[in-house]
C-alpha atoms as a PDB file:
ATOM      1  CA  MET A   1      19.733  11.561   0.943  1.00  0.00           C
ATOM      2  CA  GLY A   2      19.706  14.691  -1.127  1.00  0.00           C
ATOM      3  CA  ASN A   3      16.371  13.452  -2.827  1.00  0.00           C
ATOM      4  CA  ASN A   4      13.786  12.727  -0.911  1.00  0.00           C
ATOM      5  CA  GLY A   5      11.360  12.654  -3.511  1.00  0.00           C
ATOM      6  CA  ALA A   6      12.804   9.239  -4.612  1.00  0.00           C
ATOM      7  CA  GLY A   7      12.785   7.948  -1.264  1.00  0.00           C
ATOM      8  CA  ILE A   8       8.583   8.668  -0.688  1.00  0.00           C
ATOM      9  CA  GLY A   9       8.038   7.608  -4.546  1.00  0.00           C
ATOM     10  CA  GLY A  10       9.577   4.391  -3.420  1.00  0.00           C
ATOM     11  CA  ALA A  11       7.758   4.237  -0.618  1.00  0.00           C
ATOM     12  CA  VAL A  12       4.372   4.861  -2.148  1.00  0.00           C
ATOM     13  CA  ILE A  13       4.846   2.243  -4.894  1.00  0.00           C
ATOM     14  CA  ALA A  14       5.822  -0.232  -2.352  1.00  0.00           C
ATOM     15  CA  ALA A  15       2.877   0.357  -0.533  1.00  0.00           C
ATOM     16  CA  LEU A  16       0.649   0.015  -3.186  1.00  0.00           C
ATOM     17  CA  GLY A  17       2.142  -3.005  -4.830  1.00  0.00           C
ATOM     18  CA  ALA A  18       2.214  -4.701  -1.743  1.00  0.00           C
ATOM     19  CA  PHE A  19      -2.243  -4.114  -1.652  1.00  0.00           C
ATOM     20  CA  PHE A  20      -2.927  -4.618  -4.734  1.00  0.00           C
ATOM     21  CA  GLY A  21      -0.601  -7.307  -5.304  1.00  0.00           C
ATOM     22  CA  TYR A  22      -2.918  -8.992  -2.274  1.00  0.00           C
ATOM     23  CA  VAL A  23      -6.225  -7.576  -3.890  1.00  0.00           C
ATOM     24  CA  ASN A  24      -5.214  -8.758  -6.971  1.00  0.00           C
ATOM     25  CA  ALA A  25      -4.430 -12.285  -6.114  1.00  0.00           C
ATOM     26  CA  LEU A  26      -7.792 -13.252  -3.971  1.00  0.00           C
ATOM     27  CA  PRO A  27      -9.886 -13.619  -7.328  1.00  0.00           C
ATOM     28  CA  LEU A  28      -7.409 -15.852  -8.747  1.00  0.00           C
ATOM     29  CA  ILE A  29      -7.085 -17.766  -5.747  1.00  0.00           C
ATOM     30  CA  PHE A  30     -10.948 -18.441  -5.842  1.00  0.00           C
ATOM     31  CA  ALA A  31     -10.944 -18.629  -9.149  1.00  0.00           C
ATOM     32  CA  LEU A  32      -8.464 -21.549  -8.741  1.00  0.00           C
ATOM     33  CA  GLU A  33     -10.480 -23.087  -5.981  1.00  0.00           C
ATOM     34  CA  GLU A  34     -13.910 -22.779  -7.072  1.00  0.00           C
ATOM     35  CA  THR A  35     -14.189 -21.971 -11.076  1.00  0.00           C
ATOM     36  CA  PRO A  36     -13.839 -18.836 -13.096  1.00  0.00           C
ATOM     37  CA  LYS A  37     -17.395 -18.509 -13.371  1.00  0.00           C
ATOM     38  CA  ALA A  38     -17.816 -18.465  -9.595  1.00  0.00           C
ATOM     39  CA  ALA A  39     -15.219 -15.629  -9.376  1.00  0.00           C
ATOM     40  CA  PHE A  40     -16.367 -13.813 -11.903  1.00  0.00           C
ATOM     41  CA  ASP A  41     -20.236 -14.011 -10.275  1.00  0.00           C
ATOM     42  CA  LEU A  42     -18.526 -12.909  -7.069  1.00  0.00           C
ATOM     43  CA  LEU A  43     -16.573 -10.018  -8.006  1.00  0.00           C
ATOM     44  CA  GLU A  44     -20.155  -8.773 -10.268  1.00  0.00           C
ATOM     45  CA  HIS A  45     -21.865  -9.243  -7.079  1.00  0.00           C
ATOM     46  CA  GLU A  46     -19.439  -7.644  -4.734  1.00  0.00           C
ATOM     47  CA  PRO A  47     -16.840  -5.881  -6.640  1.00  0.00           C
ATOM     48  CA  PHE A  48     -14.599  -4.561  -3.513  1.00  0.00           C
ATOM     49  CA  LEU A  49     -14.514  -7.897  -1.717  1.00  0.00           C
ATOM     50  CA  PRO A  50     -10.789  -8.304  -2.108  1.00  0.00           C
ATOM     51  CA  ALA A  51      -9.975  -4.795  -0.583  1.00  0.00           C
ATOM     52  CA  LYS A  52     -12.682  -5.205   2.386  1.00  0.00           C
ATOM     53  CA  LEU A  53     -11.075  -8.428   2.945  1.00  0.00           C
ATOM     54  CA  TRP A  54      -7.907  -7.028   3.356  1.00  0.00           C
ATOM     55  CA  TRP A  55      -8.600  -4.422   5.928  1.00  0.00           C
ATOM     56  CA  HIS A  56     -10.933  -6.236   7.740  1.00  0.00           C
ATOM     57  CA  ASN A  57     -10.265  -9.967   9.455  1.00  0.00           C
ATOM     58  CA  ASN A  58     -12.604 -12.527  10.032  1.00  0.00           C
ATOM     59  CA  THR A  59     -14.320 -10.974  13.672  1.00  0.00           C
ATOM     60  CA  GLY A  60     -14.819  -7.844  11.335  1.00  0.00           C
ATOM     61  CA  GLY A  61     -11.992  -5.832  12.984  1.00  0.00           C
ATOM     62  CA  VAL A  62      -9.100  -4.096  11.278  1.00  0.00           C
ATOM     63  CA  ASP A  63      -6.022  -7.008  10.483  1.00  0.00           C
ATOM     64  CA  TRP A  64      -3.583  -4.859  11.890  1.00  0.00           C
ATOM     65  CA  LEU A  65      -0.691  -7.617  10.220  1.00  0.00           C
ATOM     66  CA  ASN A  66      -1.518  -6.311   6.721  1.00  0.00           C
ATOM     67  CA  LEU A  67      -1.084  -2.667   7.936  1.00  0.00           C
ATOM     68  CA  LEU A  68       1.939  -3.360   9.032  1.00  0.00           C
ATOM     69  CA  GLY A  69       3.323  -5.254   6.070  1.00  0.00           C
ATOM     70  CA  LEU A  70       2.267  -1.871   4.184  1.00  0.00           C
ATOM     71  CA  VAL A  71       4.655   0.279   6.560  1.00  0.00           C
ATOM     72  CA  LEU A  72       7.267  -2.497   6.047  1.00  0.00           C
ATOM     73  CA  ALA A  73       6.976  -2.210   2.269  1.00  0.00           C
ATOM     74  CA  ALA A  74       7.237   1.395   2.356  1.00  0.00           C
ATOM     75  CA  ALA A  75      10.414   1.378   4.895  1.00  0.00           C
ATOM     76  CA  VAL A  76      12.494  -1.036   3.106  1.00  0.00           C
ATOM     77  CA  ALA A  77      11.708   0.963   0.123  1.00  0.00           C
ATOM     78  CA  TRP A  78      13.261   4.047   1.454  1.00  0.00           C
ATOM     79  CA  GLY A  79      15.659   2.574   3.084  1.00  0.00           C
ATOM     80  CA  LEU A  80      16.886   0.927  -0.158  1.00  0.00           C
ATOM     81  CA  CYS A  81      16.540   4.311  -2.007  1.00  0.00           C
ATOM     82  CA  TYR A  82      18.679   6.127   0.763  1.00  0.00           C
ATOM     83  CA  VAL A  83      21.273   3.731   0.693  1.00  0.00           C
ATOM     84  CA  VAL A  84      21.281   3.585  -3.443  1.00  0.00           C
ATOM     85  CA  GLY A  85      21.487   7.552  -2.823  1.00  0.00           C
ATOM     86  CA  LYS A  86      23.711   7.646  -0.621  1.00  0.00           C
ATOM     87  CA  ARG A  87      26.067   5.699  -2.159  1.00  0.00           C
ATOM     88  CA  ARG A  88      25.963   7.056  -6.100  1.00  0.00           C
ATOM     89  CA  ARG A  89      27.426  10.087  -4.378  1.00  0.00           C
ATOM     90  CA  GLN A  90      30.805   8.870  -2.828  1.00  0.00           C
ATOM     91  CA  ALA A  91      31.144   7.542  -6.292  1.00  0.00           C
END
């Protein structure tokens, strides 16, 4: 791949998308299960709770499956950038 910045940029954006997709979905899921007011009160009391829940599992340890998801998203994005970049030069 001639331009590594495209692959690295795609990988970073994919990892951020995986993280923020999960973190932003939690308050919405909580609001649907409880009430929107309860979700607002929860986030007002503990604003970083969705991010904490993403990093830690129920026992307090690190949830390695979520970290694996970040690595997988970054690897797929980099692979797609590599394939598209390689095909573009040949044409």
